[in-house]
Amino acid sequence: MALKGFHQNKKSKALYIGLLLLLVVPLFLAFRIKDLSPSSGHASVGPQKKPLQGPVVIVDPGHGGTDPGACREGVMEKDINLAIAKEMKKLTPDQGFQVRLTREKDMDFTSQGVYSKRAERYDLNQRIAAAHRWGGSIFISIHVNSGVGRNKGPEIYYSPQNKASLRLAEAIQQQLNEVAATPAKEPKAEEFYLFDHLNIPAVIVETGWLCNAEDRNKLQDPAYQHQLALAISQGIKEFVEEGN
């Protein structure tokens, strides 16, 4: 009988230990998982990104979707505009400002396509509205020139009514002149619908000419697209740091 009681006590102890483990192990795992989570302040997977700060720069890759923009030899302006804009966004963490793109894929902002002046104006209004909605401090519209003749190299348009836009245009043009290795150009004052409906510094950056074979070839080169994006970004950074 004593032996039987001994075995019963062993079984009771084993049962007690088993129940205790069932309670303790889940608690241990829960605290361990919390310690390893990114929000715990301890071990985490990968580096933590700092929230972007600084003024919001709206970068608008012109055209898109049903609107190809200028075309020459199978090269479409809308694709070049988007590629350069995306490069600018990649550079954001090192520039001291935030970048928001009006489009990040091949698209327009109409329901039936940009096939009329009315649709084109509606599409542009959506881009302007995005700048207001996102609290943009600067607006950069990326385009590529078309036309005929021997024109080459980047050039910039700004509103003659906005002195800050002129300073922004000058800062960017200076950087682009160095990249393009063309005779130095000066920004041009022009009246555009875009400028009339924005109350922030705004410029249109024409990154080159599709009618020029040399420009056309360079504009398709990812390395050159990166150089252009960097030059535009450095011009913006200079403008921002001057406290305009």
C-alpha atoms as a PDB file:
ATOM      1  CA  MET A   1       0.000   0.000   0.000  1.00  0.00           C
ATOM      2  CA  ALA A   2       2.857   2.364   0.815  1.00  0.00           C
ATOM      3  CA  LEU A   3       4.359   1.716  -2.635  1.00  0.00           C
ATOM      4  CA  LYS A   4       1.036   2.478  -4.246  1.00  0.00           C
ATOM      5  CA  GLY A   5       0.868   5.810  -2.384  1.00  0.00           C
ATOM      6  CA  PHE A   6       4.404   6.602  -3.480  1.00  0.00           C
ATOM      7  CA  HIS A   7       3.476   6.153  -7.144  1.00  0.00           C
ATOM      8  CA  GLN A   8       0.344   8.238  -6.688  1.00  0.00           C
ATOM      9  CA  ASN A   9       2.445  11.072  -5.190  1.00  0.00           C
ATOM     10  CA  LYS A  10       4.857  10.893  -8.151  1.00  0.00           C
ATOM     11  CA  LYS A  11       1.931  11.082 -10.572  1.00  0.00           C
ATOM     12  CA  SER A  12       0.491  14.068  -8.701  1.00  0.00           C
ATOM     13  CA  LYS A  13       3.827  15.891  -8.785  1.00  0.00           C
ATOM     14  CA  ALA A  14       4.247  15.171 -12.494  1.00  0.00           C
ATOM     15  CA  LEU A  15       0.736  16.445 -13.193  1.00  0.00           C
ATOM     16  CA  TYR A  16       1.409  19.584 -11.140  1.00  0.00           C
ATOM     17  CA  ILE A  17       4.680  20.281 -12.981  1.00  0.00           C
ATOM     18  CA  GLY A  18       2.981  19.719 -16.334  1.00  0.00           C
ATOM     19  CA  LEU A  19       0.205  22.194 -15.528  1.00  0.00           C
ATOM     20  CA  LEU A  20       2.766  24.721 -14.295  1.00  0.00           C
ATOM     21  CA  LEU A  21       4.726  24.445 -17.548  1.00  0.00           C
ATOM     22  CA  LEU A  22       1.548  24.962 -19.578  1.00  0.00           C
ATOM     23  CA  LEU A  23       1.038  28.264 -17.764  1.00  0.00           C
ATOM     24  CA  VAL A  24       4.634  29.504 -17.644  1.00  0.00           C
ATOM     25  CA  VAL A  25       5.892  28.652 -21.161  1.00  0.00           C
ATOM     26  CA  PRO A  26       3.268  30.724 -23.077  1.00  0.00           C
ATOM     27  CA  LEU A  27       3.970  33.707 -20.798  1.00  0.00           C
ATOM     28  CA  PHE A  28       7.715  33.396 -21.425  1.00  0.00           C
ATOM     29  CA  LEU A  29       7.200  33.194 -25.184  1.00  0.00           C
ATOM     30  CA  ALA A  30       4.860  36.191 -25.153  1.00  0.00           C
ATOM     31  CA  PHE A  31       7.403  38.399 -23.383  1.00  0.00           C
ATOM     32  CA  ARG A  32      10.209  37.105 -25.619  1.00  0.00           C
ATOM     33  CA  ILE A  33       8.308  37.945 -28.804  1.00  0.00           C
ATOM     34  CA  LYS A  34       7.543  41.408 -27.452  1.00  0.00           C
ATOM     35  CA  ASP A  35      11.241  41.962 -26.726  1.00  0.00           C
ATOM     36  CA  LEU A  36      12.126  41.076 -30.310  1.00  0.00           C
ATOM     37  CA  SER A  37       9.451  43.244 -31.915  1.00  0.00           C
ATOM     38  CA  PRO A  38      10.537  46.465 -33.748  1.00  0.00           C
ATOM     39  CA  SER A  39       8.451  48.603 -31.393  1.00  0.00           C
ATOM     40  CA  SER A  40      10.036  47.257 -28.213  1.00  0.00           C
ATOM     41  CA  GLY A  41      13.237  49.255 -28.531  1.00  0.00           C
ATOM     42  CA  HIS A  42      15.359  46.059 -28.390  1.00  0.00           C
ATOM     43  CA  ALA A  43      16.362  43.619 -31.121  1.00  0.00           C
ATOM     44  CA  SER A  44      14.609  44.205 -34.446  1.00  0.00           C
ATOM     45  CA  VAL A  45      14.859  43.084 -38.027  1.00  0.00           C
ATOM     46  CA  GLY A  46      16.729  45.581 -40.206  1.00  0.00           C
ATOM     47  CA  PRO A  47      17.508  49.273 -39.634  1.00  0.00           C
ATOM     48  CA  GLN A  48      14.708  51.566 -38.540  1.00  0.00           C
ATOM     49  CA  LYS A  49      13.921  54.359 -41.009  1.00  0.00           C
ATOM     50  CA  LYS A  50      13.695  57.877 -39.654  1.00  0.00           C
ATOM     51  CA  PRO A  51      10.529  59.762 -40.591  1.00  0.00           C
ATOM     52  CA  LEU A  52      11.155  62.159 -43.464  1.00  0.00           C
ATOM     53  CA  GLN A  53      11.274  65.819 -42.528  1.00  0.00           C
ATOM     54  CA  GLY A  54      11.541  69.145 -44.296  1.00  0.00           C
ATOM     55  CA  PRO A  55       9.346  70.853 -46.884  1.00  0.00           C
ATOM     56  CA  VAL A  56       7.133  68.760 -49.148  1.00  0.00           C
ATOM     57  CA  VAL A  57       8.269  68.905 -52.765  1.00  0.00           C
ATOM     58  CA  ILE A  58       5.637  67.849 -55.287  1.00  0.00           C
ATOM     59  CA  VAL A  59       7.286  66.228 -58.300  1.00  0.00           C
ATOM     60  CA  ASP A  60       4.927  65.885 -61.247  1.00  0.00           C
ATOM     61  CA  PRO A  61       6.014  63.516 -64.048  1.00  0.00           C
ATOM     62  CA  GLY A  62       4.220  65.194 -66.941  1.00  0.00           C
ATOM     63  CA  HIS A  63       1.717  63.337 -69.153  1.00  0.00           C
ATOM     64  CA  GLY A  64       1.122  59.590 -68.640  1.00  0.00           C
ATOM     65  CA  GLY A  65      -1.495  56.978 -69.484  1.00  0.00           C
ATOM     66  CA  THR A  66      -3.348  57.897 -72.655  1.00  0.00           C
ATOM     67  CA  ASP A  67      -1.227  61.038 -72.995  1.00  0.00           C
ATOM     68  CA  PRO A  68       2.283  60.086 -74.180  1.00  0.00           C
ATOM     69  CA  GLY A  69       3.535  63.659 -74.446  1.00  0.00           C
ATOM     70  CA  ALA A  70       6.201  64.253 -77.075  1.00  0.00           C
ATOM     71  CA  CYS A  71       7.169  61.205 -79.163  1.00  0.00           C
ATOM     72  CA  ARG A  72      10.092  60.597 -81.486  1.00  0.00           C
ATOM     73  CA  GLU A  73      11.582  57.390 -82.893  1.00  0.00           C
ATOM     74  CA  GLY A  74       9.414  55.281 -80.574  1.00  0.00           C
ATOM     75  CA  VAL A  75      10.560  57.196 -77.489  1.00  0.00           C
ATOM     76  CA  MET A  76       7.725  58.624 -75.382  1.00  0.00           C
ATOM     77  CA  GLU A  77       8.133  61.612 -73.122  1.00  0.00           C
ATOM     78  CA  LYS A  78       5.847  60.209 -70.413  1.00  0.00           C
ATOM     79  CA  ASP A  79       8.259  57.320 -69.736  1.00  0.00           C
ATOM     80  CA  ILE A  80      11.311  59.555 -69.384  1.00  0.00           C
ATOM     81  CA  ASN A  81       9.448  61.955 -67.094  1.00  0.00           C
ATOM     82  CA  LEU A  82       8.411  59.123 -64.777  1.00  0.00           C
ATOM     83  CA  ALA A  83      11.877  57.559 -64.682  1.00  0.00           C
ATOM     84  CA  ILE A  84      13.522  60.839 -63.648  1.00  0.00           C
ATOM     85  CA  ALA A  85      10.826  61.557 -61.044  1.00  0.00           C
ATOM     86  CA  LYS A  86      11.298  58.123 -59.483  1.00  0.00           C
ATOM     87  CA  GLU A  87      15.036  58.720 -59.290  1.00  0.00           C
ATOM     88  CA  MET A  88      14.350  61.959 -57.453  1.00  0.00           C
ATOM     89  CA  LYS A  89      12.220  60.126 -54.910  1.00  0.00           C
ATOM     90  CA  LYS A  90      15.008  57.603 -54.291  1.00  0.00           C
ATOM     91  CA  LEU A  91      17.341  60.481 -53.444  1.00  0.00           C
ATOM     92  CA  THR A  92      14.934  61.995 -50.903  1.00  0.00           C
ATOM     93  CA  PRO A  93      16.534  60.739 -47.632  1.00  0.00           C
ATOM     94  CA  ASP A  94      19.775  62.599 -48.406  1.00  0.00           C
ATOM     95  CA  GLN A  95      18.249  65.887 -49.533  1.00  0.00           C
ATOM     96  CA  GLY A  96      16.524  67.356 -46.470  1.00  0.00           C
ATOM     97  CA  PHE A  97      13.069  67.509 -48.015  1.00  0.00           C
ATOM     98  CA  GLN A  98      10.180  65.170 -48.740  1.00  0.00           C
ATOM     99  CA  VAL A  99       9.147  64.162 -52.261  1.00  0.00           C
ATOM    100  CA  ARG A 100       5.606  63.258 -53.291  1.00  0.00           C
ATOM    101  CA  LEU A 101       4.986  62.105 -56.869  1.00  0.00           C
ATOM    102  CA  THR A 102       1.694  62.963 -58.548  1.00  0.00           C
ATOM    103  CA  ARG A 103       1.945  59.607 -60.313  1.00  0.00           C
ATOM    104  CA  GLU A 104       4.148  56.582 -59.706  1.00  0.00           C
ATOM    105  CA  LYS A 105       3.064  54.542 -62.716  1.00  0.00           C
ATOM    106  CA  ASP A 106       1.946  55.013 -66.317  1.00  0.00           C
ATOM    107  CA  MET A 107      -1.441  56.637 -65.763  1.00  0.00           C
ATOM    108  CA  ASP A 108      -3.474  59.774 -66.339  1.00  0.00           C
ATOM    109  CA  PHE A 109      -6.126  61.330 -64.106  1.00  0.00           C
ATOM    110  CA  THR A 110      -9.203  61.100 -66.311  1.00  0.00           C
ATOM    111  CA  SER A 111     -11.844  58.393 -66.649  1.00  0.00           C
ATOM    112  CA  GLN A 112     -11.960  58.466 -70.455  1.00  0.00           C
ATOM    113  CA  GLY A 113      -8.426  59.413 -71.423  1.00  0.00           C
ATOM    114  CA  VAL A 114      -6.671  62.631 -72.349  1.00  0.00           C
ATOM    115  CA  TYR A 115      -8.099  63.078 -75.832  1.00  0.00           C
ATOM    116  CA  SER A 116      -9.222  66.706 -75.693  1.00  0.00           C
ATOM    117  CA  LYS A 117      -8.171  70.073 -74.308  1.00  0.00           C
ATOM    118  CA  ARG A 118     -10.914  69.757 -71.716  1.00  0.00           C
ATOM    119  CA  ALA A 119      -9.605  66.372 -70.556  1.00  0.00           C
ATOM    120  CA  GLU A 120      -6.053  67.717 -70.549  1.00  0.00           C
ATOM    121  CA  ARG A 121      -7.121  70.609 -68.316  1.00  0.00           C
ATOM    122  CA  TYR A 122      -8.976  68.226 -65.980  1.00  0.00           C
ATOM    123  CA  ASP A 123      -5.878  66.019 -65.747  1.00  0.00           C
ATOM    124  CA  LEU A 124      -3.706  69.007 -64.869  1.00  0.00           C
ATOM    125  CA  ASN A 125      -6.198  70.201 -62.252  1.00  0.00           C
ATOM    126  CA  GLN A 126      -5.914  66.852 -60.459  1.00  0.00           C
ATOM    127  CA  ARG A 127      -2.148  67.297 -60.205  1.00  0.00           C
ATOM    128  CA  ILE A 128      -2.594  70.823 -58.855  1.00  0.00           C
ATOM    129  CA  ALA A 129      -5.184  69.558 -56.359  1.00  0.00           C
ATOM    130  CA  ALA A 130      -2.715  66.924 -55.139  1.00  0.00           C
ATOM    131  CA  ALA A 131      -0.162  69.645 -54.417  1.00  0.00           C
ATOM    132  CA  HIS A 132      -2.706  71.511 -52.279  1.00  0.00           C
ATOM    133  CA  ARG A 133      -3.923  68.324 -50.577  1.00  0.00           C
ATOM    134  CA  TRP A 134      -0.419  67.209 -49.617  1.00  0.00           C
ATOM    135  CA  GLY A 135       0.656  70.622 -48.349  1.00  0.00           C
ATOM    136  CA  GLY A 136       3.291  71.088 -51.026  1.00  0.00           C
ATOM    137  CA  SER A 137       5.880  73.828 -50.528  1.00  0.00           C
ATOM    138  CA  ILE A 138       7.504  73.478 -53.967  1.00  0.00           C
ATOM    139  CA  PHE A 139       6.176  72.152 -57.286  1.00  0.00           C
ATOM    140  CA  ILE A 140       8.480  70.619 -59.914  1.00  0.00           C
ATOM    141  CA  SER A 141       6.912  69.534 -63.206  1.00  0.00           C
ATOM    142  CA  ILE A 142       9.163  67.204 -65.232  1.00  0.00           C
ATOM    143  CA  HIS A 143       8.897  67.297 -69.033  1.00  0.00           C
ATOM    144  CA  VAL A 144      10.903  66.786 -72.233  1.00  0.00           C
ATOM    145  CA  ASN A 145      10.899  69.346 -75.031  1.00  0.00           C
ATOM    146  CA  SER A 146       9.870  68.586 -78.595  1.00  0.00           C
ATOM    147  CA  GLY A 147      10.220  70.595 -81.766  1.00  0.00           C
ATOM    148  CA  VAL A 148      12.636  70.793 -84.654  1.00  0.00           C
ATOM    149  CA  GLY A 149      16.102  72.130 -85.244  1.00  0.00           C
ATOM    150  CA  ARG A 150      19.302  71.801 -83.276  1.00  0.00           C
ATOM    151  CA  ASN A 151      17.958  72.657 -79.839  1.00  0.00           C
ATOM    152  CA  LYS A 152      19.539  70.618 -77.059  1.00  0.00           C
ATOM    153  CA  GLY A 153      19.978  70.515 -73.311  1.00  0.00           C
ATOM    154  CA  PRO A 154      17.722  71.141 -70.306  1.00  0.00           C
ATOM    155  CA  GLU A 155      15.881  74.388 -69.745  1.00  0.00           C
ATOM    156  CA  ILE A 156      13.493  75.668 -67.108  1.00  0.00           C
ATOM    157  CA  TYR A 157      10.350  77.787 -67.142  1.00  0.00           C
ATOM    158  CA  TYR A 158       9.079  79.820 -64.216  1.00  0.00           C
ATOM    159  CA  SER A 159       6.294  82.294 -63.500  1.00  0.00           C
ATOM    160  CA  PRO A 160       7.267  85.942 -64.046  1.00  0.00           C
ATOM    161  CA  GLN A 161       4.878  86.792 -61.204  1.00  0.00           C
ATOM    162  CA  ASN A 162       6.739  84.763 -58.568  1.00  0.00           C
ATOM    163  CA  LYS A 163      10.231  85.870 -57.476  1.00  0.00           C
ATOM    164  CA  ALA A 164      10.756  82.701 -55.432  1.00  0.00           C
ATOM    165  CA  SER A 165      10.080  80.624 -58.556  1.00  0.00           C
ATOM    166  CA  LEU A 166      12.844  82.523 -60.349  1.00  0.00           C
ATOM    167  CA  ARG A 167      15.333  81.754 -57.553  1.00  0.00           C
ATOM    168  CA  LEU A 168      14.287  78.091 -57.623  1.00  0.00           C
ATOM    169  CA  ALA A 169      14.651  77.981 -61.412  1.00  0.00           C
ATOM    170  CA  GLU A 170      18.108  79.581 -61.263  1.00  0.00           C
ATOM    171  CA  ALA A 171      19.340  77.100 -58.646  1.00  0.00           C
ATOM    172  CA  ILE A 172      18.159  74.095 -60.669  1.00  0.00           C
ATOM    173  CA  GLN A 173      19.296  75.469 -64.043  1.00  0.00           C
ATOM    174  CA  GLN A 174      22.822  76.007 -62.729  1.00  0.00           C
ATOM    175  CA  GLN A 175      23.033  72.362 -61.650  1.00  0.00           C
ATOM    176  CA  LEU A 176      21.571  71.088 -64.924  1.00  0.00           C
ATOM    177  CA  ASN A 177      23.972  73.158 -67.035  1.00  0.00           C
ATOM    178  CA  GLU A 178      26.876  71.290 -65.444  1.00  0.00           C
ATOM    179  CA  VAL A 179      25.324  67.870 -66.101  1.00  0.00           C
ATOM    180  CA  ALA A 180      24.284  68.507 -69.698  1.00  0.00           C
ATOM    181  CA  ALA A 181      27.638  70.003 -70.748  1.00  0.00           C
ATOM    182  CA  THR A 182      25.853  72.426 -73.081  1.00  0.00           C
ATOM    183  CA  PRO A 183      26.247  76.198 -73.375  1.00  0.00           C
ATOM    184  CA  ALA A 184      24.946  77.731 -70.146  1.00  0.00           C
ATOM    185  CA  LYS A 185      21.255  78.544 -70.288  1.00  0.00           C
ATOM    186  CA  GLU A 186      19.128  80.913 -68.250  1.00  0.00           C
ATOM    187  CA  PRO A 187      15.613  80.117 -66.951  1.00  0.00           C
ATOM    188  CA  LYS A 188      12.763  81.479 -69.045  1.00  0.00           C
ATOM    189  CA  ALA A 189       9.754  83.395 -67.732  1.00  0.00           C
ATOM    190  CA  GLU A 190       6.492  82.111 -69.222  1.00  0.00           C
ATOM    191  CA  GLU A 191       2.787  82.264 -68.432  1.00  0.00           C
ATOM    192  CA  PHE A 192       1.356  78.780 -67.891  1.00  0.00           C
ATOM    193  CA  TYR A 193      -1.973  77.588 -66.497  1.00  0.00           C
ATOM    194  CA  LEU A 194      -0.048  75.591 -63.904  1.00  0.00           C
ATOM    195  CA  PHE A 195       1.668  78.692 -62.527  1.00  0.00           C
ATOM    196  CA  ASP A 196      -1.606  80.617 -62.329  1.00  0.00           C
ATOM    197  CA  HIS A 197      -3.154  78.001 -60.039  1.00  0.00           C
ATOM    198  CA  LEU A 198      -0.314  77.415 -57.588  1.00  0.00           C
ATOM    199  CA  ASN A 199       0.616  79.802 -54.784  1.00  0.00           C
ATOM    200  CA  ILE A 200       3.972  78.117 -54.122  1.00  0.00           C
ATOM    201  CA  PRO A 201       7.304  78.282 -55.987  1.00  0.00           C
ATOM    202  CA  ALA A 202       6.823  76.223 -59.148  1.00  0.00           C
ATOM    203  CA  VAL A 203       8.911  75.464 -62.222  1.00  0.00           C
ATOM    204  CA  ILE A 204       8.656  73.326 -65.335  1.00  0.00           C
ATOM    205  CA  VAL A 205      11.884  71.433 -65.983  1.00  0.00           C
ATOM    206  CA  GLU A 206      12.387  70.434 -69.623  1.00  0.00           C
ATOM    207  CA  THR A 207      15.166  67.850 -69.317  1.00  0.00           C
ATOM    208  CA  GLY A 208      16.158  67.825 -72.985  1.00  0.00           C
ATOM    209  CA  TRP A 209      14.887  67.653 -76.570  1.00  0.00           C
ATOM    210  CA  LEU A 210      13.475  64.537 -78.212  1.00  0.00           C
ATOM    211  CA  CYS A 211      14.069  66.111 -81.623  1.00  0.00           C
ATOM    212  CA  ASN A 212      17.802  66.040 -80.911  1.00  0.00           C
ATOM    213  CA  ALA A 213      19.282  62.558 -81.409  1.00  0.00           C
ATOM    214  CA  GLU A 214      22.027  63.104 -78.836  1.00  0.00           C
ATOM    215  CA  ASP A 215      19.566  64.290 -76.188  1.00  0.00           C
ATOM    216  CA  ARG A 216      17.129  61.512 -77.075  1.00  0.00           C
ATOM    217  CA  ASN A 217      19.753  58.816 -76.586  1.00  0.00           C
ATOM    218  CA  LYS A 218      20.992  60.265 -73.307  1.00  0.00           C
ATOM    219  CA  LEU A 219      17.485  60.679 -71.902  1.00  0.00           C
ATOM    220  CA  GLN A 220      16.899  56.929 -72.282  1.00  0.00           C
ATOM    221  CA  ASP A 221      20.044  56.092 -70.303  1.00  0.00           C
ATOM    222  CA  PRO A 222      19.279  55.280 -66.615  1.00  0.00           C
ATOM    223  CA  ALA A 223      22.669  56.670 -65.577  1.00  0.00           C
ATOM    224  CA  TYR A 224      21.920  60.021 -67.223  1.00  0.00           C
ATOM    225  CA  GLN A 225      18.406  60.010 -65.761  1.00  0.00           C
ATOM    226  CA  HIS A 226      20.010  59.629 -62.340  1.00  0.00           C
ATOM    227  CA  GLN A 227      22.365  62.555 -63.039  1.00  0.00           C
ATOM    228  CA  LEU A 228      19.433  64.748 -64.019  1.00  0.00           C
ATOM    229  CA  ALA A 229      17.465  63.716 -60.928  1.00  0.00           C
ATOM    230  CA  LEU A 230      20.456  64.466 -58.717  1.00  0.00           C
ATOM    231  CA  ALA A 231      21.018  67.866 -60.338  1.00  0.00           C
ATOM    232  CA  ILE A 232      17.370  68.869 -59.898  1.00  0.00           C
ATOM    233  CA  SER A 233      17.405  67.651 -56.291  1.00  0.00           C
ATOM    234  CA  GLN A 234      20.601  69.561 -55.513  1.00  0.00           C
ATOM    235  CA  GLY A 235      19.084  72.713 -56.972  1.00  0.00           C
ATOM    236  CA  ILE A 236      16.015  72.291 -54.765  1.00  0.00           C
ATOM    237  CA  LYS A 237      18.216  71.636 -51.733  1.00  0.00           C
ATOM    238  CA  GLU A 238      20.201  74.817 -52.394  1.00  0.00           C
ATOM    239  CA  PHE A 239      16.963  76.796 -52.725  1.00  0.00           C
ATOM    240  CA  VAL A 240      15.583  75.363 -49.462  1.00  0.00           C
ATOM    241  CA  GLU A 241      18.800  75.949 -47.520  1.00  0.00           C
ATOM    242  CA  GLU A 242      18.837  79.590 -48.573  1.00  0.00           C
ATOM    243  CA  GLY A 243      15.534  79.954 -46.746  1.00  0.00           C
ATOM    244  CA  ASN A 244      13.444  81.012 -49.715  1.00  0.00           C
END
